[in-house]
Amino acid sequence: MRWYADVGDADRRRALAAAGVLDSAGAGPGTGLAHCAPVAGSELSRARSSGAPTRDIGPRGLVVFYVTSVVGAGILVVPGIAARRAGPASLIAWLVLALASVPMALMFAEMSARRPDCGGIAALLRDVLGAGVGQTASLLLVVAYALVVPVMAIASARHLCDMLAINAVLVKPLAGAFLLLSAMFCIASIATAARLQGIVLILLLACLLVAVALATPSMSARRLSPFASHGWRAVAAILPAVFWSFLGWENVSTIAEEVRDPRRSFHRAIRIAVPLIGLLYLAVTAAYLALPHGRGELLMPTLLAGGIGARGRVLGDLFGLAVIVPTTNAWMLGASRLVVSAAREGLLPPSIQRRSTRTDAPVSALVALVVVCALVVSLLAVFDLDETAAISLSATIFLALYIAAAIATLRDHPTPIMAISATTTALIAASFLLLTGAALVLAALLALATYAGLRVARANKLIPPAGDWVTTRKPWRGE
């Protein structure tokens, strides 16, 4: 079954320009919406019917999405794991990753400013390294997001079960409910979503600050000594785990098409988001390390138990939900845009591109995501697996794509600062990638199988030739 139309490039440009999707310069095949014109006023309905998003996000909205994309489940669990493995010196690992976030955030912000395309990393790879590589990256990103979002939903369900003393057997079914909750959030318009995330971000920061404040009486700087109690090699060993907490800089690129003045907005946003996230992680981790040892590995219950005793566990789970749910929302939002991008390239049925005429949300993509993510949760339940495998594979895919994005950036006429950022990002990601073990082998096999499968599909005309952009559901010529 061929689900794309074989229409000429000139016809495609004229049709999209008439609908207000492209600017006067037009866009060649394979450029996605890199040249989208802002859509407003009476043209909104035409833009929505043709698949063009509205541009409602400014620098403040981007800061919100940056923080809620990066700060999530990692801040609740990883500080305890890192402290157990490296002691107080684990704080060095958090500092290293906070500093490493500067070149990574800068690289992805510049990528989004140059190519405001919901394909994110895949759009850069498509334009610089070739459409075949870009299409492979597009599908790998969809797979990675389809693994990350269920993990976050399961984490929310675990906190809810712990808070209400519910049998842990209900974790997976409740995870499905959290998936639906995030999808419902994403059905709102992007402007409404940004405002809601902004409110939730304030709640998130308030929860963390209250938890630290309540734990302050139990803290003591003497507990940070001896500082390197497990040796300095232990600090290097925990770097990959801490890195997982900083994933998310690339997620915001998936809403770049909906950002006003991307070059100005992305650069202004990272000047606030990068130091804010780094300081947040360092402050919370330092507070955790200054508490009495042996209180547990979960951050929120540990902090609150230090201030209000046993009642802190319930409140800690509640605060934990306040941290994880907005992160799940942000990743679900990003995943829906990636699905739309893949459909636009003909890799998925074009009907998935359909947006709500009321909110402009990609409703079909969200429905498809909920189904796929629920399937992942079901498979974990059927085979009695925890989330470790999904976390390892998704992190490995992201690391590999970070390296590919850095290589593409270096070949894309970078400025000196961009060249330094891309080189630094590639070195950091490569060093962590070598430590991923079996997940690296699985990710490599998945990438090779995806690339080979796409070549076969193109040869049999099951998907468009590499670089074509699908905008219609008319039958393919000759069908």
Protein backbone atom coordinates (compact mmCIF):
# COMPACT_ATOMS: atom_id res chain seq x y z
CA MET A 1 0.00 0.00 0.00
CA ARG A 2 1.51 3.33 -1.11
CA TRP A 3 0.22 6.16 1.02
CA TYR A 4 1.92 9.14 -0.61
CA ALA A 5 1.38 11.23 -3.72
CA ASP A 6 4.01 11.64 -6.43
CA VAL A 7 3.59 15.34 -7.13
CA GLY A 8 6.11 17.67 -8.71
CA ASP A 9 8.30 19.95 -6.63
CA ALA A 10 7.00 23.08 -8.35
CA ASP A 11 3.40 21.99 -7.79
CA ARG A 12 4.18 21.28 -4.14
CA ARG A 13 5.73 24.70 -3.58
CA ARG A 14 2.88 26.54 -5.31
CA ALA A 15 0.23 24.65 -3.33
CA LEU A 16 1.95 25.20 0.00
CA ALA A 17 2.72 28.85 -0.71
CA ALA A 18 -0.94 29.43 -1.57
CA ALA A 19 -1.92 27.87 1.75
CA GLY A 20 0.52 30.13 3.60
CA VAL A 21 2.78 27.29 4.67
CA LEU A 22 5.90 28.47 2.84
CA ASP A 23 7.43 31.89 2.55
CA SER A 24 7.98 33.59 -0.77
CA ALA A 25 11.28 31.79 -1.22
CA GLY A 26 9.54 28.42 -1.06
CA ALA A 27 11.22 25.25 0.08
CA GLY A 28 12.68 22.41 -1.83
CA PRO A 29 11.93 18.80 -1.12
CA GLY A 30 13.39 17.45 2.08
CA THR A 31 13.52 20.78 3.88
CA GLY A 32 10.51 20.09 6.06
CA LEU A 33 9.16 23.36 7.43
CA ALA A 34 12.54 25.02 7.66
CA HIS A 35 11.14 27.96 5.70
CA CYS A 36 7.69 28.14 7.27
CA ALA A 37 6.13 31.55 7.34
CA PRO A 38 4.34 32.65 10.51
CA VAL A 39 0.62 32.01 10.33
CA ALA A 40 -1.95 34.33 11.83
CA GLY A 41 -5.34 35.94 11.44
CA SER A 42 -7.66 34.88 8.65
CA GLU A 43 -5.05 32.49 7.25
CA LEU A 44 -5.15 30.28 10.35
CA SER A 45 -7.79 27.87 9.09
CA ARG A 46 -6.02 27.46 5.75
CA ALA A 47 -2.73 26.89 7.53
CA ARG A 48 -4.22 24.26 9.80
CA SER A 49 -5.84 22.43 6.93
CA SER A 50 -2.48 22.30 5.13
CA GLY A 51 -0.56 21.24 8.24
CA ALA A 52 1.22 24.50 9.04
CA PRO A 53 1.63 25.18 12.77
CA THR A 54 1.07 28.56 14.38
CA ARG A 55 3.97 30.40 16.01
CA ASP A 56 2.89 31.20 19.55
CA ILE A 57 6.01 30.47 21.64
CA GLY A 58 8.48 33.13 22.74
CA PRO A 59 11.64 33.06 24.90
CA ARG A 60 9.72 32.65 28.18
CA GLY A 61 7.76 29.71 26.81
CA LEU A 62 10.99 28.11 25.60
CA VAL A 63 12.57 28.45 29.06
CA VAL A 64 9.56 26.63 30.49
CA PHE A 65 9.85 23.80 27.97
CA TYR A 66 13.62 23.56 28.47
CA VAL A 67 13.37 23.20 32.24
CA THR A 68 10.43 20.78 32.17
CA SER A 69 12.15 18.70 29.45
CA VAL A 70 15.45 18.33 31.31
CA VAL A 71 14.44 18.31 34.97
CA GLY A 72 12.37 15.21 35.57
CA ALA A 73 12.68 11.65 36.81
CA GLY A 74 16.47 11.96 36.87
CA ILE A 75 16.48 14.48 39.70
CA LEU A 76 14.36 12.17 41.85
CA VAL A 77 16.49 9.03 41.58
CA VAL A 78 19.96 9.73 40.15
CA PRO A 79 21.32 11.84 43.08
CA GLY A 80 20.82 8.85 45.41
CA ILE A 81 22.39 6.37 42.98
CA ALA A 82 25.35 8.69 42.36
CA ALA A 83 25.85 9.29 46.09
CA ARG A 84 25.84 5.57 46.82
CA ARG A 85 28.46 4.87 44.16
CA ALA A 86 30.75 7.89 44.57
CA GLY A 87 29.91 9.48 47.93
CA PRO A 88 30.04 13.28 48.36
CA ALA A 89 32.42 13.50 45.38
CA SER A 90 29.43 12.73 43.15
CA LEU A 91 28.78 16.46 43.35
CA ILE A 92 31.74 16.84 40.96
CA ALA A 93 29.93 14.73 38.37
CA TRP A 94 26.90 17.01 38.56
CA LEU A 95 29.14 20.06 38.15
CA VAL A 96 30.87 18.49 35.13
CA LEU A 97 27.54 17.73 33.44
CA ALA A 98 26.17 21.18 34.27
CA LEU A 99 29.15 22.71 32.49
CA ALA A 100 28.91 20.19 29.63
CA SER A 101 25.30 21.29 29.12
CA VAL A 102 26.52 24.67 27.86
CA PRO A 103 27.95 23.43 24.51
CA MET A 104 25.14 20.87 24.08
CA ALA A 105 22.39 23.42 24.67
CA LEU A 106 24.13 25.95 22.44
CA MET A 107 24.50 23.45 19.60
CA PHE A 108 20.85 22.40 19.67
CA ALA A 109 19.64 25.99 20.06
CA GLU A 110 21.62 27.04 16.99
CA MET A 111 20.33 23.99 15.11
CA SER A 112 16.74 24.98 15.92
CA ALA A 113 17.37 28.61 15.00
CA ARG A 114 18.81 27.68 11.61
CA ARG A 115 16.28 24.95 10.85
CA PRO A 116 13.00 25.46 12.75
CA ASP A 117 11.70 22.01 11.87
CA CYS A 118 9.73 19.65 14.11
CA GLY A 119 12.05 16.87 12.95
CA GLY A 120 14.70 18.25 15.32
CA ILE A 121 17.99 16.37 14.97
CA ALA A 122 16.62 14.40 12.01
CA ALA A 123 16.06 17.63 10.02
CA LEU A 124 19.70 18.65 10.47
CA LEU A 125 20.99 15.21 9.48
CA ARG A 126 18.65 15.09 6.47
CA ASP A 127 19.85 18.42 5.09
CA VAL A 128 23.57 17.96 5.78
CA LEU A 129 24.32 14.22 5.74
CA GLY A 130 21.64 13.14 3.28
CA ALA A 131 17.97 12.23 3.25
CA GLY A 132 18.63 8.53 3.91
CA VAL A 133 20.49 9.30 7.15
CA GLY A 134 17.85 11.86 8.11
CA GLN A 135 15.00 9.40 7.61
CA THR A 136 16.81 6.78 9.66
CA ALA A 137 17.35 9.31 12.44
CA SER A 138 13.69 10.33 12.27
CA LEU A 139 12.49 6.79 12.93
CA LEU A 140 15.14 6.18 15.61
CA LEU A 141 13.98 9.32 17.41
CA VAL A 142 10.40 8.10 17.34
CA VAL A 143 11.58 4.79 18.84
CA ALA A 144 13.61 6.57 21.54
CA TYR A 145 10.70 8.80 22.53
CA ALA A 146 8.35 5.81 22.52
CA LEU A 147 10.65 4.28 25.15
CA VAL A 148 11.25 7.40 27.28
CA VAL A 149 7.61 8.50 27.64
CA PRO A 150 6.39 5.12 29.04
CA VAL A 151 9.29 5.09 31.52
CA MET A 152 8.20 8.48 32.83
CA ALA A 153 4.58 7.37 33.03
CA ILE A 154 5.64 4.29 35.01
CA ALA A 155 7.68 6.50 37.36
CA SER A 156 4.58 8.62 38.00
CA ALA A 157 2.53 5.50 38.66
CA ARG A 158 5.12 4.20 41.17
CA HIS A 159 4.95 7.44 43.14
CA LEU A 160 1.16 7.34 43.14
CA CYS A 161 1.07 3.72 44.33
CA ASP A 162 3.59 4.48 47.07
CA MET A 163 1.72 7.58 48.18
CA LEU A 164 -1.67 5.82 48.37
CA ALA A 165 -0.24 2.47 49.56
CA ILE A 166 -1.67 0.76 46.48
CA ASN A 167 -0.49 -2.70 45.41
CA ALA A 168 2.47 -2.36 43.04
CA VAL A 169 0.74 -4.69 40.57
CA LEU A 170 -1.32 -1.67 39.49
CA VAL A 171 1.74 0.35 38.45
CA LYS A 172 1.53 -0.58 34.75
CA PRO A 173 -2.26 0.06 34.39
CA LEU A 174 -1.88 3.39 36.16
CA ALA A 175 0.99 4.24 33.81
CA GLY A 176 -1.54 3.99 30.98
CA ALA A 177 -3.71 6.53 32.78
CA PHE A 178 -0.75 8.93 33.04
CA LEU A 179 -0.13 8.52 29.30
CA LEU A 180 -3.71 9.59 28.63
CA LEU A 181 -3.27 12.53 31.01
CA SER A 182 -0.22 13.77 29.10
CA ALA A 183 -1.95 13.32 25.74
CA MET A 184 -4.92 15.37 26.98
CA PHE A 185 -2.52 18.09 28.06
CA CYS A 186 -0.92 18.14 24.59
CA ILE A 187 -4.30 18.48 22.85
CA ALA A 188 -4.44 22.05 24.14
CA SER A 189 -2.99 24.74 21.87
CA ILE A 190 0.75 25.25 22.10
CA ALA A 191 0.22 28.67 23.71
CA THR A 192 -2.12 27.18 26.32
CA ALA A 193 0.31 24.29 26.87
CA ALA A 194 3.13 26.78 27.46
CA ARG A 195 1.04 28.67 30.04
CA LEU A 196 0.04 25.45 31.81
CA GLN A 197 3.65 24.24 31.83
CA GLY A 198 4.69 27.63 33.20
CA ILE A 199 2.30 27.21 36.12
CA VAL A 200 3.53 23.67 36.67
CA LEU A 201 7.16 24.86 36.48
CA ILE A 202 6.50 27.32 39.30
CA LEU A 203 4.96 24.46 41.28
CA LEU A 204 7.97 22.23 40.48
CA LEU A 205 10.48 24.84 41.66
CA ALA A 206 8.38 25.56 44.74
CA CYS A 207 8.26 21.85 45.62
CA LEU A 208 12.03 21.52 45.35
CA LEU A 209 12.67 24.69 47.35
CA VAL A 210 10.20 23.67 50.08
CA ALA A 211 11.77 20.21 50.27
CA VAL A 212 15.26 21.69 50.65
CA ALA A 213 14.05 24.25 53.20
CA LEU A 214 12.34 21.61 55.33
CA ALA A 215 15.47 19.43 55.24
CA THR A 216 17.86 22.28 56.13
CA PRO A 217 17.76 21.72 59.93
CA SER A 218 19.00 18.14 59.43
CA MET A 219 21.85 19.11 57.10
CA SER A 220 25.50 19.28 58.11
CA ALA A 221 28.56 20.13 56.03
CA ARG A 222 30.51 17.53 58.07
CA ARG A 223 28.66 14.82 56.15
CA LEU A 224 30.53 15.86 52.98
CA SER A 225 33.75 14.57 54.53
CA PRO A 226 35.62 12.49 53.52
CA PHE A 227 34.80 13.97 50.14
CA ALA A 228 36.18 11.27 47.81
CA SER A 229 35.28 8.36 50.07
CA HIS A 230 34.89 5.95 47.11
CA GLY A 231 37.88 7.21 45.12
CA TRP A 232 38.03 9.52 42.09
CA ARG A 233 37.46 6.68 39.61
CA ALA A 234 33.99 6.27 41.06
CA VAL A 235 33.21 9.84 39.96
CA ALA A 236 34.08 8.98 36.35
CA ALA A 237 32.03 5.79 36.55
CA ILE A 238 28.81 7.61 37.47
CA LEU A 239 29.06 10.21 34.70
CA PRO A 240 26.81 8.24 32.25
CA ALA A 241 24.08 7.90 34.89
CA VAL A 242 24.24 11.62 35.69
CA PHE A 243 24.22 12.41 31.96
CA TRP A 244 20.78 10.75 31.68
CA SER A 245 19.46 13.48 33.99
CA PHE A 246 20.55 16.13 31.48
CA LEU A 247 18.82 14.63 28.44
CA GLY A 248 16.22 16.98 27.01
CA TRP A 249 18.10 19.85 25.34
CA GLU A 250 17.23 18.33 21.97
CA ASN A 251 13.57 17.83 22.88
CA VAL A 252 12.72 21.54 22.61
CA SER A 253 13.88 21.59 18.97
CA THR A 254 10.75 19.61 18.07
CA ILE A 255 8.55 22.66 18.71
CA ALA A 256 10.83 25.04 16.76
CA GLU A 257 8.23 25.49 14.03
CA GLU A 258 5.92 27.03 16.62
CA VAL A 259 8.45 29.56 17.95
CA ARG A 260 8.37 33.26 17.11
CA ASP A 261 11.68 34.56 15.72
CA PRO A 262 13.57 31.28 16.44
CA ARG A 263 17.09 32.76 16.27
CA ARG A 264 16.39 35.38 18.89
CA SER A 265 14.09 33.26 21.06
CA PHE A 266 16.29 30.15 21.35
CA HIS A 267 19.42 32.11 22.18
CA ARG A 268 17.66 34.16 24.84
CA ALA A 269 16.06 31.06 26.34
CA ILE A 270 19.25 29.05 26.83
CA ARG A 271 20.94 31.99 28.60
CA ILE A 272 18.34 31.50 31.34
CA ALA A 273 17.61 27.78 31.15
CA VAL A 274 21.19 26.44 31.22
CA PRO A 275 22.33 28.16 34.46
CA LEU A 276 18.91 27.66 36.08
CA ILE A 277 18.95 23.89 35.49
CA GLY A 278 22.62 23.55 36.49
CA LEU A 279 22.15 25.47 39.73
CA LEU A 280 18.96 23.55 40.51
CA TYR A 281 20.67 20.17 40.17
CA LEU A 282 23.72 21.27 42.18
CA ALA A 283 21.66 22.79 45.01
CA VAL A 284 19.34 19.80 45.38
CA THR A 285 22.19 17.28 45.19
CA ALA A 286 24.27 19.19 47.76
CA ALA A 287 21.27 19.28 50.11
CA TYR A 288 20.76 15.53 49.68
CA LEU A 289 24.43 14.79 50.42
CA ALA A 290 24.37 16.94 53.57
CA LEU A 291 21.61 14.82 55.12
CA PRO A 292 22.26 11.81 57.38
CA HIS A 293 23.42 8.77 55.44
CA GLY A 294 21.15 5.80 54.87
CA ARG A 295 17.89 7.69 54.54
CA GLY A 296 17.19 6.24 51.09
CA GLU A 297 17.87 6.86 47.43
CA LEU A 298 14.63 8.67 46.47
CA LEU A 299 15.33 12.37 46.60
CA MET A 300 12.01 13.88 47.68
CA PRO A 301 11.14 11.44 50.50
CA THR A 302 14.73 11.71 51.78
CA LEU A 303 14.68 15.51 51.85
CA LEU A 304 11.26 15.70 53.46
CA ALA A 305 11.94 12.94 55.96
CA GLY A 306 14.84 15.06 57.16
CA GLY A 307 12.45 17.90 57.93
CA ILE A 308 9.09 16.41 58.94
CA GLY A 309 9.81 12.75 59.64
CA ALA A 310 7.68 9.84 58.47
CA ARG A 311 5.00 12.10 57.02
CA GLY A 312 7.60 13.24 54.51
CA ARG A 313 7.23 10.05 52.52
CA VAL A 314 3.68 10.81 51.39
CA LEU A 315 4.48 14.45 50.76
CA GLY A 316 7.65 13.38 48.94
CA ASP A 317 5.66 11.19 46.56
CA LEU A 318 3.27 14.06 45.92
CA PHE A 319 6.17 16.41 45.17
CA GLY A 320 7.70 13.69 43.00
CA LEU A 321 4.56 13.61 40.88
CA ALA A 322 4.76 17.39 40.58
CA VAL A 323 8.23 16.93 39.06
CA ILE A 324 7.62 13.95 36.75
CA VAL A 325 4.21 14.79 35.25
CA PRO A 326 5.27 18.07 33.58
CA THR A 327 8.34 16.33 32.19
CA THR A 328 6.15 13.59 30.72
CA ASN A 329 3.97 16.30 29.19
CA ALA A 330 6.98 17.98 27.57
CA TRP A 331 8.30 14.73 26.11
CA MET A 332 4.86 13.68 24.87
CA LEU A 333 4.58 17.07 23.18
CA GLY A 334 7.97 16.62 21.53
CA ALA A 335 7.18 13.06 20.49
CA SER A 336 3.97 14.14 18.75
CA ARG A 337 5.92 16.64 16.64
CA LEU A 338 8.46 13.98 15.67
CA VAL A 339 5.66 11.67 14.55
CA VAL A 340 4.23 14.49 12.42
CA SER A 341 7.66 15.06 10.87
CA ALA A 342 8.04 11.36 10.04
CA ALA A 343 4.57 11.33 8.47
CA ARG A 344 5.43 14.41 6.44
CA GLU A 345 8.37 12.54 4.92
CA GLY A 346 6.13 9.59 4.03
CA LEU A 347 7.62 7.30 6.68
CA LEU A 348 4.24 7.09 8.44
CA PRO A 349 0.69 7.49 7.06
CA PRO A 350 0.12 11.19 6.20
CA SER A 351 -3.22 11.16 8.04
CA ILE A 352 -1.14 11.31 11.25
CA GLN A 353 -0.29 14.92 10.33
CA ARG A 354 -3.90 16.00 10.91
CA ARG A 355 -4.21 18.85 13.41
CA SER A 356 -7.16 20.02 15.45
CA THR A 357 -8.97 22.93 13.80
CA ARG A 358 -9.59 24.38 17.26
CA THR A 359 -6.25 24.05 19.05
CA ASP A 360 -3.85 23.23 16.18
CA ALA A 361 -2.66 20.15 18.13
CA PRO A 362 -1.59 17.04 16.15
CA VAL A 363 -4.43 14.90 17.49
CA SER A 364 -3.82 11.87 15.27
CA ALA A 365 -0.15 11.77 16.24
CA LEU A 366 -1.07 11.91 19.93
CA VAL A 367 -3.55 9.05 19.56
CA ALA A 368 -0.92 6.95 17.77
CA LEU A 369 1.63 7.74 20.49
CA VAL A 370 -0.69 6.72 23.32
CA VAL A 371 -1.33 3.40 21.59
CA VAL A 372 2.38 2.69 20.99
CA CYS A 373 3.46 3.80 24.47
CA ALA A 374 0.69 1.71 26.04
CA LEU A 375 1.98 -1.24 24.02
CA VAL A 376 5.48 -0.70 25.44
CA VAL A 377 4.07 -0.63 28.98
CA SER A 378 2.08 -3.79 28.25
CA LEU A 379 5.16 -5.62 26.96
CA LEU A 380 7.09 -4.66 30.10
CA ALA A 381 4.21 -6.00 32.19
CA VAL A 382 3.78 -9.24 30.21
CA PHE A 383 7.48 -10.09 30.36
CA ASP A 384 7.83 -8.80 33.95
CA LEU A 385 10.59 -6.33 33.03
CA ASP A 386 11.57 -3.13 34.76
CA GLU A 387 12.42 0.09 32.93
CA THR A 388 16.20 -0.39 32.91
CA ALA A 389 16.39 -1.81 29.39
CA ALA A 390 14.21 0.97 27.95
CA ILE A 391 16.31 3.62 29.69
CA SER A 392 19.61 2.15 28.48
CA LEU A 393 18.49 1.75 24.86
CA SER A 394 16.91 5.20 24.63
CA ALA A 395 19.95 6.89 26.19
CA THR A 396 22.26 5.07 23.75
CA ILE A 397 20.17 6.18 20.77
CA PHE A 398 20.30 9.78 21.97
CA LEU A 399 24.07 9.64 22.49
CA ALA A 400 24.60 8.29 18.97
CA LEU A 401 22.34 10.99 17.51
CA TYR A 402 24.20 13.66 19.52
CA ILE A 403 27.41 12.57 17.82
CA ALA A 404 25.75 12.55 14.38
CA ALA A 405 24.27 16.00 15.03
CA ALA A 406 27.67 17.33 16.07
CA ILE A 407 29.27 15.97 12.88
CA ALA A 408 26.51 17.54 10.78
CA THR A 409 26.95 20.85 12.59
CA LEU A 410 30.68 20.85 11.82
CA ARG A 411 29.87 20.35 8.13
CA ASP A 412 27.20 23.03 8.07
CA HIS A 413 29.42 26.14 7.88
CA PRO A 414 29.56 26.66 11.65
CA THR A 415 30.72 29.79 13.40
CA PRO A 416 33.82 29.36 15.63
CA ILE A 417 31.62 29.09 18.73
CA MET A 418 29.41 26.52 17.04
CA ALA A 419 32.44 24.50 15.97
CA ILE A 420 33.72 24.41 19.55
CA SER A 421 30.27 23.48 20.88
CA ALA A 422 29.80 20.68 18.35
CA THR A 423 33.30 19.27 18.92
CA THR A 424 32.83 19.31 22.68
CA THR A 425 29.41 17.69 22.41
CA ALA A 426 30.78 14.93 20.15
CA LEU A 427 33.64 14.15 22.54
CA ILE A 428 31.37 14.06 25.58
CA ALA A 429 28.75 11.87 23.89
CA ALA A 430 31.38 9.51 22.45
CA SER A 431 33.02 9.01 25.84
CA PHE A 432 29.67 8.12 27.40
CA LEU A 433 28.60 5.97 24.46
CA LEU A 434 31.55 3.64 25.00
CA LEU A 435 30.24 2.90 28.49
CA THR A 436 26.75 1.79 27.43
CA GLY A 437 27.69 -1.90 26.93
CA ALA A 438 25.08 -4.19 25.39
CA ALA A 439 22.73 -1.30 24.68
CA LEU A 440 25.29 0.02 22.16
CA VAL A 441 25.20 -3.23 20.22
CA LEU A 442 21.38 -3.29 20.22
CA ALA A 443 21.17 0.36 19.14
CA ALA A 444 23.68 -0.23 16.32
CA LEU A 445 21.71 -3.24 15.05
CA LEU A 446 18.49 -1.23 15.23
CA ALA A 447 20.04 1.64 13.25
CA LEU A 448 21.41 -0.67 10.56
CA ALA A 449 18.11 -2.54 10.27
CA THR A 450 16.19 0.76 9.99
CA TYR A 451 18.54 2.12 7.31
CA ALA A 452 18.40 -1.13 5.30
CA GLY A 453 14.62 -1.36 5.68
CA LEU A 454 14.17 2.18 4.38
CA ARG A 455 16.31 1.41 1.33
CA VAL A 456 14.19 -1.66 0.55
CA ALA A 457 10.97 0.31 1.09
CA ARG A 458 12.13 3.06 -1.27
CA ALA A 459 13.21 0.52 -3.89
CA ASN A 460 9.74 -1.04 -3.79
CA LYS A 461 8.08 2.40 -3.81
CA LEU A 462 6.44 1.79 -0.43
CA ILE A 463 7.70 5.18 0.77
CA PRO A 464 8.65 8.30 -1.20
CA PRO A 465 12.14 8.72 -2.65
CA ALA A 466 14.53 10.13 -0.04
CA GLY A 467 13.94 13.85 0.26
CA ASP A 468 10.33 14.04 -0.93
CA TRP A 469 7.84 15.77 1.32
CA VAL A 470 4.38 14.27 1.59
CA THR A 471 1.51 16.78 1.85
CA THR A 472 -1.47 14.91 0.42
CA ARG A 473 -3.26 11.63 0.73
CA LYS A 474 -3.96 11.22 -3.00
CA PRO A 475 -3.10 7.76 -4.31
CA TRP A 476 0.41 7.37 -5.59
CA ARG A 477 0.71 7.53 -9.35
CA GLY A 478 0.28 4.04 -10.74
CA GLU A 479 -1.51 2.68 -7.66
